[in-house]
Each structure stands twice: as C-alpha cells, then as structure tokens.
Amino acid sequence: MNLQQIKEIFEQNADEERGERDKKYMRNLFSHYGVRAGERDKLFAVLFSKEASQQPIDWGFLTDCWNEPMREFQYIAVWYLHTRKQQLTKVDIPKIKKLAKQKQWWDTIDGLCTLLGHLSQRDESVKQIMLEWSKDEDFWIRRIAIQHQLSLKAKTDTELLATIIKNNLGEKERSSPSTDGLNKEQNQAFFINKAIGWALREYAKTNPNWVRQFITANQNNMAKLTIREATKHLNK
C-alpha cells in the first residue's frame, strides 16, 4: 500500500463534519479527514499486518506521511513505527527527532515517546540521549524525554526519571495551552508540567512510595498542575 492508495482510502471514508470537530479539538492547527482510530485500524490493517511488519523500516514513506497536510497521515506514521519498534536502533533516533521537530503537538509527540523507552531496554546508551533531550531548547523534545519510560513499569530507571524531571522543574504554571502558536511560553509550561505529572502518576501505579517520596522532596519546585496530576490516584 503506497501513499496515494492511503490518500484515496482516507478520501473515500472522510467525514467532513467529524473532521471539523477534530480540527477544533486540536486547536485548529491541523486539518482532519474525520476518520476515527478504530476505523483506521480496519482500513489499513494490511499496512500493519504481521507480514508487513517484517519489512525494513521505510523512512521515505514516513517522511512522505509527515509532509501530508491531513493529520491522520502523521497518525499512520506513528502507528507504522510502533509496529516496527523491534527494528529500531540507536541510529534511527535522529530520524525520530526530525519527525518530532515538525508539525509539533501533543498527539504525535506522545505517540513517539514510548518508542524511545522500548529502545532503551535494548540499548543502554539511549538513556544518555534521553538525558540530553531533557535539556533540549525545544520543549516538545524535553516532553519526549520526560515521558519515554511511561510503559516500562517495574523496569523504569528511577534515577534517570528523577534526573530528567529535575532538569525540567520550575516552569511557570499556566492553566491551559495557547491557541495561537506552538512555541509560546504558556504552551511550554503547561505541556512540561503536565508531562512530569503524567510520568509520576504512571510510575505511581508500580511504586507509589517512590513517587510520594519524590514529591515530598521536590514539591517546592513543582507546579500545582504537576502535583495534581502526579497524586491523582495516590490517595485512593
């Protein structure tokens, strides 16, 4: 299945009204066909079949998907990478970062996060790269570093998690993201503080005591949003 075939299938199954709602939900940053995730699964199952996932990663295809104006193409690209995550190596990280630097918003950024966490379990050197990303000038890249261990549970490197989070404490808290651009200060603060809270909340499901102790030791430098997110399930 090539890019043109995917485009034709999207166009045949587009829902204009739903697409407008999706566009508004995403702050009017990207146009949408209005095809839901479950529908995409069925429409493009052949693209992500077991047989297809054994093929080498086609970075040209991924770049073409990322260059398409309709947001669902970026979702296809992220999905594609997840079906081939076992093939990813350290040399692919700059390619992932290149994708992450374009058309940035939480949906694709969060979709890329755990790819790095999975890779870090096979290559310890990835952890140093995540430390470097945690201090990147681009807050979306820092968000990836903060969240890359989300799915690791008991395999989480707590020393790494703590260091990455501390590298990102102190952002001025804002109540919600801006609608007029991707790199405003309020976007940076909101999405970083939210990411820290999410990372701690997820790890609290595995080791609540570690999270409580971390919050106690660092709460003076943590945003209210972060603490609220991190403790959402701790007192239940």
Protein backbone atom coordinates (compact mmCIF):
# COMPACT_ATOMS: atom_id res chain seq x y z
CA MET A 1 0.00 0.00 0.00
CA ASN A 2 1.51 3.31 -1.07
CA LEU A 3 0.84 6.92 -0.11
CA GLN A 4 -1.61 7.54 -2.98
CA GLN A 5 -3.63 4.46 -2.10
CA ILE A 6 -3.80 5.56 1.54
CA LYS A 7 -4.95 9.01 0.46
CA GLU A 8 -7.69 7.56 -1.72
CA ILE A 9 -8.97 5.37 1.12
CA PHE A 10 -8.99 8.33 3.50
CA GLU A 11 -10.89 10.46 0.99
CA GLN A 12 -13.44 7.71 0.41
CA ASN A 13 -14.10 7.39 4.14
CA ALA A 14 -13.82 11.03 5.16
CA ASP A 15 -16.42 12.58 7.44
CA GLU A 16 -16.32 16.33 6.90
CA GLU A 17 -18.38 17.21 9.96
CA ARG A 18 -16.30 15.00 12.22
CA GLY A 19 -13.14 16.33 10.60
CA GLU A 20 -14.12 19.87 11.55
CA ARG A 21 -14.73 18.79 15.14
CA ASP A 22 -11.35 17.06 15.23
CA LYS A 23 -9.69 20.17 13.84
CA LYS A 24 -11.25 22.36 16.53
CA TYR A 25 -10.26 19.88 19.24
CA MET A 26 -6.69 20.15 18.01
CA ARG A 27 -6.78 23.95 18.32
CA ASN A 28 -7.30 24.39 14.55
CA LEU A 29 -3.67 23.52 13.96
CA PHE A 30 -4.24 20.65 11.54
CA SER A 31 -6.87 19.57 9.04
CA HIS A 32 -8.52 16.18 9.55
CA TYR A 33 -10.36 13.67 7.40
CA GLY A 34 -12.51 12.78 10.38
CA VAL A 35 -11.58 9.08 10.35
CA ARG A 36 -11.55 7.59 13.86
CA ALA A 37 -8.69 5.44 15.16
CA GLY A 38 -10.77 2.27 15.16
CA GLU A 39 -11.79 2.88 11.57
CA ARG A 40 -8.17 3.47 10.59
CA ASP A 41 -7.25 0.13 12.16
CA LYS A 42 -9.69 -1.65 9.87
CA LEU A 43 -8.99 0.38 6.74
CA PHE A 44 -5.22 -0.01 6.92
CA ALA A 45 -4.83 -3.40 8.63
CA VAL A 46 -2.87 -4.70 5.63
CA LEU A 47 -0.28 -1.96 6.10
CA PHE A 48 0.42 -3.16 9.63
CA SER A 49 -0.01 -6.90 9.21
CA LYS A 50 2.49 -9.32 10.75
CA GLU A 51 3.96 -9.93 7.31
CA ALA A 52 4.29 -6.21 6.55
CA SER A 53 5.92 -5.52 9.92
CA GLN A 54 8.81 -7.80 8.99
CA GLN A 55 9.81 -5.47 6.18
CA PRO A 56 12.62 -2.91 6.77
CA ILE A 57 11.53 0.48 8.04
CA ASP A 58 10.72 2.72 5.08
CA TRP A 59 11.82 6.16 6.26
CA GLY A 60 10.91 7.66 2.91
CA PHE A 61 7.32 6.57 3.46
CA LEU A 62 7.37 8.05 6.97
CA THR A 63 8.70 11.36 5.68
CA ASP A 64 6.03 11.46 2.98
CA CYS A 65 3.33 10.81 5.58
CA TRP A 66 4.70 13.57 7.79
CA ASN A 67 4.68 16.01 4.88
CA GLU A 68 0.98 15.44 4.18
CA PRO A 69 -1.32 18.23 5.41
CA MET A 70 -4.03 15.95 6.84
CA ARG A 71 -3.28 14.96 10.42
CA GLU A 72 -4.29 11.32 10.03
CA PHE A 73 -1.18 10.76 7.90
CA GLN A 74 1.01 11.59 10.89
CA TYR A 75 -1.02 9.12 12.96
CA ILE A 76 -0.39 6.48 10.30
CA ALA A 77 3.35 7.21 10.55
CA VAL A 78 3.40 6.85 14.34
CA TRP A 79 1.38 3.64 14.15
CA TYR A 80 3.74 2.31 11.50
CA LEU A 81 6.75 2.94 13.75
CA HIS A 82 5.12 1.13 16.66
CA THR A 83 4.56 -1.97 14.56
CA ARG A 84 8.28 -1.92 13.71
CA LYS A 85 9.70 -0.87 17.07
CA GLN A 86 11.73 -4.06 17.35
CA GLN A 87 13.68 -2.96 14.28
CA LEU A 88 14.56 0.46 15.68
CA THR A 89 18.18 1.06 16.64
CA LYS A 90 20.18 3.96 18.03
CA VAL A 91 20.93 5.20 14.51
CA ASP A 92 17.19 5.81 14.00
CA ILE A 93 16.93 8.25 16.90
CA PRO A 94 17.94 11.34 14.86
CA LYS A 95 15.24 10.38 12.34
CA ILE A 96 12.65 10.15 15.09
CA LYS A 97 13.79 13.52 16.42
CA LYS A 98 13.48 15.02 12.94
CA LEU A 99 9.85 13.91 12.81
CA ALA A 100 9.26 15.22 16.33
CA LYS A 101 10.57 18.65 15.32
CA GLN A 102 7.90 19.05 12.63
CA LYS A 103 4.15 19.67 12.97
CA GLN A 104 4.50 19.54 16.73
CA TRP A 105 1.60 18.97 19.06
CA TRP A 106 0.91 16.61 21.94
CA ASP A 107 -0.79 13.90 19.86
CA THR A 108 2.20 12.94 17.70
CA ILE A 109 4.79 13.84 20.36
CA ASP A 110 3.17 11.49 22.87
CA GLY A 111 2.88 8.82 20.21
CA LEU A 112 6.65 8.85 19.73
CA CYS A 113 7.62 8.81 23.43
CA THR A 114 7.47 5.12 24.30
CA LEU A 115 9.39 4.13 21.17
CA LEU A 116 12.47 5.54 22.90
CA GLY A 117 11.63 3.79 26.16
CA HIS A 118 11.33 0.47 24.38
CA LEU A 119 14.62 1.05 22.60
CA SER A 120 16.36 1.98 25.86
CA GLN A 121 15.68 -1.53 27.13
CA ARG A 122 17.76 -2.94 24.29
CA ASP A 123 20.43 -0.25 24.21
CA GLU A 124 21.60 1.38 27.45
CA SER A 125 23.23 4.25 25.55
CA VAL A 126 19.77 5.58 24.71
CA LYS A 127 19.45 6.71 28.33
CA GLN A 128 22.24 9.24 27.87
CA ILE A 129 20.48 10.57 24.78
CA MET A 130 17.29 10.99 26.80
CA LEU A 131 19.25 12.93 29.42
CA GLU A 132 20.48 15.24 26.67
CA TRP A 133 16.96 15.58 25.28
CA SER A 134 15.72 16.52 28.76
CA LYS A 135 17.71 19.76 28.44
CA ASP A 136 16.89 20.48 24.80
CA GLU A 137 15.84 24.01 23.90
CA ASP A 138 12.71 22.57 22.25
CA PHE A 139 10.19 21.79 25.00
CA TRP A 140 8.50 19.14 22.88
CA ILE A 141 11.75 17.18 22.75
CA ARG A 142 12.02 17.56 26.52
CA ARG A 143 8.46 16.24 26.84
CA ILE A 144 9.51 13.09 24.98
CA ALA A 145 12.42 12.59 27.38
CA ILE A 146 10.16 13.07 30.41
CA GLN A 147 7.60 10.56 29.17
CA HIS A 148 9.74 8.00 27.37
CA GLN A 149 9.56 5.49 30.27
CA LEU A 150 5.76 5.60 30.59
CA SER A 151 5.23 1.97 29.63
CA LEU A 152 8.18 0.45 31.48
CA LYS A 153 6.55 -0.03 34.90
CA ALA A 154 8.93 -2.05 37.13
CA LYS A 155 11.70 -1.66 34.55
CA THR A 156 11.66 2.12 34.99
CA ASP A 157 15.09 3.60 35.69
CA THR A 158 14.14 5.78 38.67
CA GLU A 159 17.48 7.56 38.82
CA LEU A 160 17.07 8.57 35.19
CA LEU A 161 13.43 9.55 35.73
CA ALA A 162 14.33 11.73 38.72
CA THR A 163 17.16 13.48 36.91
CA ILE A 164 15.10 14.19 33.81
CA ILE A 165 12.25 15.57 35.88
CA LYS A 166 14.56 17.77 37.96
CA ASN A 167 16.01 19.14 34.72
CA ASN A 168 12.53 20.41 33.91
CA LEU A 169 11.19 21.71 37.22
CA GLY A 170 10.48 25.39 37.67
CA GLU A 171 8.30 26.15 34.64
CA LYS A 172 5.76 28.88 35.35
CA GLU A 173 2.37 27.27 35.58
CA ARG A 174 -0.40 28.13 33.14
CA SER A 175 -3.94 26.81 33.21
CA SER A 176 -4.22 25.71 29.58
CA PRO A 177 -2.27 25.70 26.30
CA SER A 178 -2.28 28.64 23.92
CA THR A 179 -4.25 28.59 20.68
CA ASP A 180 -2.01 31.00 18.79
CA GLY A 181 1.19 29.15 18.02
CA LEU A 182 3.19 26.11 19.10
CA ASN A 183 6.09 27.63 20.98
CA LYS A 184 4.59 30.20 23.35
CA GLU A 185 5.83 30.28 26.94
CA GLN A 186 2.44 29.19 28.25
CA ASN A 187 2.47 26.12 25.99
CA GLN A 188 5.92 25.22 27.24
CA ALA A 189 4.95 25.49 30.90
CA PHE A 190 1.66 23.63 30.52
CA PHE A 191 2.97 20.72 28.47
CA ILE A 192 6.13 20.25 30.52
CA ASN A 193 4.35 20.40 33.88
CA LYS A 194 1.62 18.08 32.59
CA ALA A 195 4.21 15.61 31.28
CA ILE A 196 6.02 15.47 34.63
CA GLY A 197 2.75 14.81 36.41
CA TRP A 198 1.80 12.11 33.94
CA ALA A 199 5.17 10.37 34.23
CA LEU A 200 4.93 10.33 38.03
CA ARG A 201 1.28 9.24 38.00
CA GLU A 202 2.05 6.27 35.76
CA TYR A 203 5.01 5.16 37.83
CA ALA A 204 2.92 5.53 40.99
CA LYS A 205 0.88 2.57 39.75
CA THR A 206 4.05 0.49 40.14
CA ASN A 207 5.85 2.18 43.05
CA PRO A 208 3.63 4.68 44.89
CA ASN A 209 6.06 5.09 47.78
CA TRP A 210 8.86 6.23 45.48
CA VAL A 211 6.55 8.81 43.91
CA ARG A 212 5.35 10.09 47.31
CA GLN A 213 8.93 10.49 48.49
CA PHE A 214 9.95 12.24 45.27
CA ILE A 215 7.06 14.71 45.52
CA THR A 216 7.81 15.41 49.19
CA ALA A 217 11.45 16.13 48.40
CA ASN A 218 10.73 18.34 45.38
CA GLN A 219 7.27 19.85 45.90
CA ASN A 220 8.59 23.37 46.49
CA ASN A 221 9.80 23.42 42.89
CA MET A 222 6.82 21.60 41.39
CA ALA A 223 3.87 23.28 39.72
CA LYS A 224 0.42 22.75 41.16
CA LEU A 225 -0.61 21.11 37.90
CA THR A 226 2.23 18.60 38.21
CA ILE A 227 1.36 17.69 41.80
CA ARG A 228 -2.33 17.40 40.96
CA GLU A 229 -1.61 15.03 38.09
CA ALA A 230 1.02 13.02 39.98
CA THR A 231 -1.16 12.41 43.04
CA LYS A 232 -4.41 11.71 41.20
CA HIS A 233 -4.52 8.07 42.32
CA LEU A 234 -2.16 8.09 45.31
CA ASN A 235 -4.79 8.83 47.93
CA LYS A 236 -7.43 6.44 46.69
